[in-house]
Amino acid sequence: MLTNLYVKTSVFLSQFKNDERGVTAIEYGLIAVAMAVLVTTAVGTEGFIGRLETAFTSVATAIETAGN
């Protein structure tokens, strides 16, 4: 009886160890979080887009004043 219990436990733990379904869900979750952080940074008021717009405005102003 003890041997039977050991074998069942061993098989269960072996199957549990080899199960990768949860790992895939965690990977997709991490990718979704990374994308959300990037989008929030890019779309935010003081984010990348705001700084990029400021840089282009500065360049446009410098070109206008150089042309006059």
PDB file of N, CA and C in Angstrom:
ATOM      1  N   MET A   1       0.813  -1.185   0.000  1.00  0.00           N
ATOM      2  CA  MET A   1       0.000   0.000   0.000  1.00  0.00           C
ATOM      3  C   MET A   1       0.862   1.256   0.000  1.00  0.00           C
ATOM      4  N   LEU A   2       1.929   1.264   0.763  1.00  0.00           N
ATOM      5  CA  LEU A   2       2.818   2.408   0.817  1.00  0.00           C
ATOM      6  C   LEU A   2       3.505   2.617  -0.525  1.00  0.00           C
ATOM      7  N   THR A   3       3.867   1.515  -1.185  1.00  0.00           N
ATOM      8  CA  THR A   3       4.482   1.608  -2.507  1.00  0.00           C
ATOM      9  C   THR A   3       3.500   2.190  -3.519  1.00  0.00           C
ATOM     10  N   ASN A   4       2.249   1.776  -3.445  1.00  0.00           N
ATOM     11  CA  ASN A   4       1.217   2.286  -4.348  1.00  0.00           C
ATOM     12  C   ASN A   4       1.048   3.797  -4.170  1.00  0.00           C
ATOM     13  N   LEU A   5       1.022   4.259  -2.930  1.00  0.00           N
ATOM     14  CA  LEU A   5       0.897   5.683  -2.632  1.00  0.00           C
ATOM     15  C   LEU A   5       2.103   6.446  -3.158  1.00  0.00           C
ATOM     16  N   TYR A   6       3.289   5.873  -2.986  1.00  0.00           N
ATOM     17  CA  TYR A   6       4.508   6.506  -3.481  1.00  0.00           C
ATOM     18  C   TYR A   6       4.486   6.650  -4.996  1.00  0.00           C
ATOM     19  N   VAL A   7       4.047   5.608  -5.683  1.00  0.00           N
ATOM     20  CA  VAL A   7       3.996   5.640  -7.147  1.00  0.00           C
ATOM     21  C   VAL A   7       2.987   6.683  -7.620  1.00  0.00           C
ATOM     22  N   LYS A   8       1.811   6.719  -7.004  1.00  0.00           N
ATOM     23  CA  LYS A   8       0.799   7.701  -7.399  1.00  0.00           C
ATOM     24  C   LYS A   8       1.290   9.129  -7.159  1.00  0.00           C
ATOM     25  N   THR A   9       1.921   9.349  -6.027  1.00  0.00           N
ATOM     26  CA  THR A   9       2.454  10.674  -5.723  1.00  0.00           C
ATOM     27  C   THR A   9       3.557  11.056  -6.699  1.00  0.00           C
ATOM     28  N   SER A  10       4.416  10.117  -6.991  1.00  0.00           N
ATOM     29  CA  SER A  10       5.511  10.363  -7.924  1.00  0.00           C
ATOM     30  C   SER A  10       4.981  10.697  -9.321  1.00  0.00           C
ATOM     31  N   VAL A  11       3.979   9.958  -9.787  1.00  0.00           N
ATOM     32  CA  VAL A  11       3.387  10.220 -11.106  1.00  0.00           C
ATOM     33  C   VAL A  11       2.709  11.588 -11.124  1.00  0.00           C
ATOM     34  N   PHE A  12       1.970  11.905 -10.064  1.00  0.00           N
ATOM     35  CA  PHE A  12       1.289  13.195  -9.995  1.00  0.00           C
ATOM     36  C   PHE A  12       2.283  14.352 -10.028  1.00  0.00           C
ATOM     37  N   LEU A  13       3.341  14.257  -9.229  1.00  0.00           N
ATOM     38  CA  LEU A  13       4.334  15.326  -9.197  1.00  0.00           C
ATOM     39  C   LEU A  13       5.082  15.439 -10.518  1.00  0.00           C
ATOM     40  N   SER A  14       5.317  14.315 -11.159  1.00  0.00           N
ATOM     41  CA  SER A  14       5.985  14.334 -12.461  1.00  0.00           C
ATOM     42  C   SER A  14       5.120  15.030 -13.508  1.00  0.00           C
ATOM     43  N   GLN A  15       3.827  14.728 -13.515  1.00  0.00           N
ATOM     44  CA  GLN A  15       2.917  15.381 -14.450  1.00  0.00           C
ATOM     45  C   GLN A  15       2.799  16.873 -14.134  1.00  0.00           C
ATOM     46  N   PHE A  16       2.740  17.212 -12.872  1.00  0.00           N
ATOM     47  CA  PHE A  16       2.635  18.603 -12.449  1.00  0.00           C
ATOM     48  C   PHE A  16       3.872  19.387 -12.870  1.00  0.00           C
ATOM     49  N   LYS A  17       5.042  18.767 -12.738  1.00  0.00           N
ATOM     50  CA  LYS A  17       6.302  19.419 -13.101  1.00  0.00           C
ATOM     51  C   LYS A  17       6.382  19.659 -14.605  1.00  0.00           C
ATOM     52  N   ASN A  18       5.868  18.745 -15.401  1.00  0.00           N
ATOM     53  CA  ASN A  18       5.955  18.848 -16.858  1.00  0.00           C
ATOM     54  C   ASN A  18       4.841  19.680 -17.476  1.00  0.00           C
ATOM     55  N   ASP A  19       3.871  20.107 -16.688  1.00  0.00           N
ATOM     56  CA  ASP A  19       2.755  20.898 -17.198  1.00  0.00           C
ATOM     57  C   ASP A  19       3.212  22.341 -17.415  1.00  0.00           C
ATOM     58  N   GLU A  20       3.151  22.830 -18.652  1.00  0.00           N
ATOM     59  CA  GLU A  20       3.621  24.176 -18.988  1.00  0.00           C
ATOM     60  C   GLU A  20       2.485  25.116 -19.359  1.00  0.00           C
ATOM     61  N   ARG A  21       1.244  24.756 -19.125  1.00  0.00           N
ATOM     62  CA  ARG A  21       0.122  25.620 -19.486  1.00  0.00           C
ATOM     63  C   ARG A  21       0.159  26.932 -18.721  1.00  0.00           C
ATOM     64  N   GLY A  22       0.459  26.886 -17.455  1.00  0.00           N
ATOM     65  CA  GLY A  22       0.515  28.092 -16.645  1.00  0.00           C
ATOM     66  C   GLY A  22       1.659  29.005 -17.039  1.00  0.00           C
ATOM     67  N   VAL A  23       2.768  28.412 -17.459  1.00  0.00           N
ATOM     68  CA  VAL A  23       3.929  29.186 -17.868  1.00  0.00           C
ATOM     69  C   VAL A  23       3.582  30.050 -19.077  1.00  0.00           C
ATOM     70  N   THR A  24       2.870  29.500 -20.032  1.00  0.00           N
ATOM     71  CA  THR A  24       2.489  30.256 -21.220  1.00  0.00           C
ATOM     72  C   THR A  24       1.577  31.415 -20.851  1.00  0.00           C
ATOM     73  N   ALA A  25       0.645  31.206 -19.956  1.00  0.00           N
ATOM     74  CA  ALA A  25      -0.252  32.274 -19.534  1.00  0.00           C
ATOM     75  C   ALA A  25       0.531  33.381 -18.836  1.00  0.00           C
ATOM     76  N   ILE A  26       1.499  33.012 -18.024  1.00  0.00           N
ATOM     77  CA  ILE A  26       2.320  34.018 -17.350  1.00  0.00           C
ATOM     78  C   ILE A  26       3.138  34.811 -18.360  1.00  0.00           C
ATOM     79  N   GLU A  27       3.688  34.146 -19.369  1.00  0.00           N
ATOM     80  CA  GLU A  27       4.462  34.845 -20.396  1.00  0.00           C
ATOM     81  C   GLU A  27       3.593  35.847 -21.145  1.00  0.00           C
ATOM     82  N   TYR A  28       2.389  35.431 -21.532  1.00  0.00           N
ATOM     83  CA  TYR A  28       1.492  36.360 -22.212  1.00  0.00           C
ATOM     84  C   TYR A  28       1.121  37.528 -21.304  1.00  0.00           C
ATOM     85  N   GLY A  29       0.947  37.265 -20.028  1.00  0.00           N
ATOM     86  CA  GLY A  29       0.646  38.335 -19.081  1.00  0.00           C
ATOM     87  C   GLY A  29       1.780  39.338 -18.981  1.00  0.00           C
ATOM     88  N   LEU A  30       3.014  38.847 -18.923  1.00  0.00           N
ATOM     89  CA  LEU A  30       4.172  39.738 -18.865  1.00  0.00           C
ATOM     90  C   LEU A  30       4.313  40.567 -20.132  1.00  0.00           C
ATOM     91  N   ILE A  31       4.039  39.972 -21.278  1.00  0.00           N
ATOM     92  CA  ILE A  31       4.095  40.711 -22.540  1.00  0.00           C
ATOM     93  C   ILE A  31       3.027  41.798 -22.557  1.00  0.00           C
ATOM     94  N   ALA A  32       1.831  41.478 -22.084  1.00  0.00           N
ATOM     95  CA  ALA A  32       0.749  42.468 -22.044  1.00  0.00           C
ATOM     96  C   ALA A  32       1.098  43.624 -21.119  1.00  0.00           C
ATOM     97  N   VAL A  33       1.705  43.336 -19.980  1.00  0.00           N
ATOM     98  CA  VAL A  33       2.103  44.398 -19.047  1.00  0.00           C
ATOM     99  C   VAL A  33       3.178  45.277 -19.669  1.00  0.00           C
ATOM    100  N   ALA A  34       4.145  44.678 -20.333  1.00  0.00           N
ATOM    101  CA  ALA A  34       5.208  45.452 -20.984  1.00  0.00           C
ATOM    102  C   ALA A  34       4.631  46.362 -22.065  1.00  0.00           C
ATOM    103  N   MET A  35       3.705  45.837 -22.852  1.00  0.00           N
ATOM    104  CA  MET A  35       3.090  46.657 -23.897  1.00  0.00           C
ATOM    105  C   MET A  35       2.276  47.795 -23.292  1.00  0.00           C
ATOM    106  N   ALA A  36       1.574  47.535 -22.199  1.00  0.00           N
ATOM    107  CA  ALA A  36       0.784  48.579 -21.544  1.00  0.00           C
ATOM    108  C   ALA A  36       1.688  49.689 -21.013  1.00  0.00           C
ATOM    109  N   VAL A  37       2.815  49.326 -20.450  1.00  0.00           N
ATOM    110  CA  VAL A  37       3.753  50.339 -19.948  1.00  0.00           C
ATOM    111  C   VAL A  37       4.304  51.174 -21.100  1.00  0.00           C
ATOM    112  N   LEU A  38       4.661  50.535 -22.206  1.00  0.00           N
ATOM    113  CA  LEU A  38       5.184  51.271 -23.356  1.00  0.00           C
ATOM    114  C   LEU A  38       4.142  52.213 -23.950  1.00  0.00           C
ATOM    115  N   VAL A  39       2.920  51.737 -24.093  1.00  0.00           N
ATOM    116  CA  VAL A  39       1.861  52.581 -24.649  1.00  0.00           C
ATOM    117  C   VAL A  39       1.556  53.740 -23.717  1.00  0.00           C
ATOM    118  N   THR A  40       1.503  53.488 -22.428  1.00  0.00           N
ATOM    119  CA  THR A  40       1.241  54.551 -21.465  1.00  0.00           C
ATOM    120  C   THR A  40       2.354  55.597 -21.496  1.00  0.00           C
ATOM    121  N   THR A  41       3.569  55.156 -21.623  1.00  0.00           N
ATOM    122  CA  THR A  41       4.696  56.087 -21.699  1.00  0.00           C
ATOM    123  C   THR A  41       4.637  56.909 -22.976  1.00  0.00           C
ATOM    124  N   ALA A  42       4.299  56.287 -24.084  1.00  0.00           N
ATOM    125  CA  ALA A  42       4.269  56.987 -25.364  1.00  0.00           C
ATOM    126  C   ALA A  42       3.101  57.950 -25.464  1.00  0.00           C
ATOM    127  N   VAL A  43       1.967  57.608 -24.908  1.00  0.00           N
ATOM    128  CA  VAL A  43       0.762  58.416 -25.059  1.00  0.00           C
ATOM    129  C   VAL A  43       0.629  59.451 -23.948  1.00  0.00           C
ATOM    130  N   GLY A  44       1.327  59.269 -22.859  1.00  0.00           N
ATOM    131  CA  GLY A  44       1.209  60.167 -21.718  1.00  0.00           C
ATOM    132  C   GLY A  44       1.522  61.609 -22.084  1.00  0.00           C
ATOM    133  N   THR A  45       1.005  62.543 -21.297  1.00  0.00           N
ATOM    134  CA  THR A  45       1.177  63.968 -21.573  1.00  0.00           C
ATOM    135  C   THR A  45       2.645  64.370 -21.616  1.00  0.00           C
ATOM    136  N   GLU A  46       3.387  63.929 -20.654  1.00  0.00           N
ATOM    137  CA  GLU A  46       4.814  64.251 -20.613  1.00  0.00           C
ATOM    138  C   GLU A  46       5.665  63.075 -21.088  1.00  0.00           C
ATOM    139  N   GLY A  47       5.059  62.188 -21.817  1.00  0.00           N
ATOM    140  CA  GLY A  47       5.767  60.990 -22.271  1.00  0.00           C
ATOM    141  C   GLY A  47       6.634  61.257 -23.486  1.00  0.00           C
ATOM    142  N   PHE A  48       6.973  60.224 -24.155  1.00  0.00           N
ATOM    143  CA  PHE A  48       7.875  60.280 -25.311  1.00  0.00           C
ATOM    144  C   PHE A  48       7.312  61.156 -26.419  1.00  0.00           C
ATOM    145  N   ILE A  49       6.014  61.034 -26.705  1.00  0.00           N
ATOM    146  CA  ILE A  49       5.398  61.801 -27.784  1.00  0.00           C
ATOM    147  C   ILE A  49       5.464  63.296 -27.467  1.00  0.00           C
ATOM    148  N   GLY A  50       5.199  63.672 -26.220  1.00  0.00           N
ATOM    149  CA  GLY A  50       5.274  65.083 -25.838  1.00  0.00           C
ATOM    150  C   GLY A  50       6.667  65.647 -26.008  1.00  0.00           C
ATOM    151  N   ARG A  51       7.660  64.886 -25.596  1.00  0.00           N
ATOM    152  CA  ARG A  51       9.046  65.341 -25.754  1.00  0.00           C
ATOM    153  C   ARG A  51       9.452  65.392 -27.221  1.00  0.00           C
ATOM    154  N   LEU A  52       8.979  64.433 -28.006  1.00  0.00           N
ATOM    155  CA  LEU A  52       9.283  64.418 -29.430  1.00  0.00           C
ATOM    156  C   LEU A  52       8.649  65.618 -30.125  1.00  0.00           C
ATOM    157  N   GLU A  53       7.414  65.937 -29.742  1.00  0.00           N
ATOM    158  CA  GLU A  53       6.738  67.103 -30.313  1.00  0.00           C
ATOM    159  C   GLU A  53       7.488  68.388 -29.966  1.00  0.00           C
ATOM    160  N   THR A  54       7.965  68.485 -28.744  1.00  0.00           N
ATOM    161  CA  THR A  54       8.743  69.656 -28.325  1.00  0.00           C
ATOM    162  C   THR A  54      10.031  69.766 -29.132  1.00  0.00           C
ATOM    163  N   ALA A  55      10.677  68.658 -29.371  1.00  0.00           N
ATOM    164  CA  ALA A  55      11.922  68.663 -30.147  1.00  0.00           C
ATOM    165  C   ALA A  55      11.658  69.107 -31.584  1.00  0.00           C
ATOM    166  N   PHE A  56      10.595  68.600 -32.204  1.00  0.00           N
ATOM    167  CA  PHE A  56      10.280  69.005 -33.579  1.00  0.00           C
ATOM    168  C   PHE A  56       9.888  70.473 -33.651  1.00  0.00           C
ATOM    169  N   THR A  57       9.188  70.962 -32.635  1.00  0.00           N
ATOM    170  CA  THR A  57       8.822  72.376 -32.602  1.00  0.00           C
ATOM    171  C   THR A  57      10.073  73.237 -32.497  1.00  0.00           C
ATOM    172  N   SER A  58      11.010  72.821 -31.682  1.00  0.00           N
ATOM    173  CA  SER A  58      12.272  73.566 -31.550  1.00  0.00           C
ATOM    174  C   SER A  58      13.038  73.588 -32.865  1.00  0.00           C
ATOM    175  N   VAL A  59      13.085  72.468 -33.545  1.00  0.00           N
ATOM    176  CA  VAL A  59      13.779  72.402 -34.838  1.00  0.00           C
ATOM    177  C   VAL A  59      13.075  73.284 -35.868  1.00  0.00           C
ATOM    178  N   ALA A  60      11.740  73.224 -35.897  1.00  0.00           N
ATOM    179  CA  ALA A  60      10.986  74.052 -36.850  1.00  0.00           C
ATOM    180  C   ALA A  60      11.203  75.535 -36.576  1.00  0.00           C
ATOM    181  N   THR A  61      11.229  75.926 -35.301  1.00  0.00           N
ATOM    182  CA  THR A  61      11.463  77.318 -34.942  1.00  0.00           C
ATOM    183  C   THR A  61      12.873  77.751 -35.352  1.00  0.00           C
ATOM    184  N   ALA A  62      13.835  76.868 -35.134  1.00  0.00           N
ATOM    185  CA  ALA A  62      15.217  77.197 -35.520  1.00  0.00           C
ATOM    186  C   ALA A  62      15.349  77.339 -37.030  1.00  0.00           C
ATOM    187  N   ILE A  63      14.652  76.513 -37.781  1.00  0.00           N
ATOM    188  CA  ILE A  63      14.708  76.613 -39.249  1.00  0.00           C
ATOM    189  C   ILE A  63      14.035  77.902 -39.720  1.00  0.00           C
ATOM    190  N   GLU A  64      12.909  78.276 -39.109  1.00  0.00           N
ATOM    191  CA  GLU A  64      12.216  79.514 -39.484  1.00  0.00           C
ATOM    192  C   GLU A  64      13.085  80.739 -39.212  1.00  0.00           C
ATOM    193  N   THR A  65      13.699  80.762 -38.036  1.00  0.00           N
ATOM    194  CA  THR A  65      14.528  81.938 -37.705  1.00  0.00           C
ATOM    195  C   THR A  65      15.799  81.971 -38.552  1.00  0.00           C
ATOM    196  N   ALA A  66      16.316  80.835 -38.956  1.00  0.00           N
ATOM    197  CA  ALA A  66      17.510  80.806 -39.806  1.00  0.00           C
ATOM    198  C   ALA A  66      17.172  81.264 -41.222  1.00  0.00           C
ATOM    199  N   GLY A  67      15.948  81.018 -41.660  1.00  0.00           N
ATOM    200  CA  GLY A  67      15.537  81.408 -43.016  1.00  0.00           C
ATOM    201  C   GLY A  67      15.232  82.883 -43.151  1.00  0.00           C
ATOM    202  N   ASN A  68      14.982  83.567 -42.038  1.00  0.00           N
ATOM    203  CA  ASN A  68      14.649  84.995 -42.099  1.00  0.00           C
ATOM    204  C   ASN A  68      15.854  85.826 -42.043  1.00  0.00           C
TER     205      ASN A  68
END
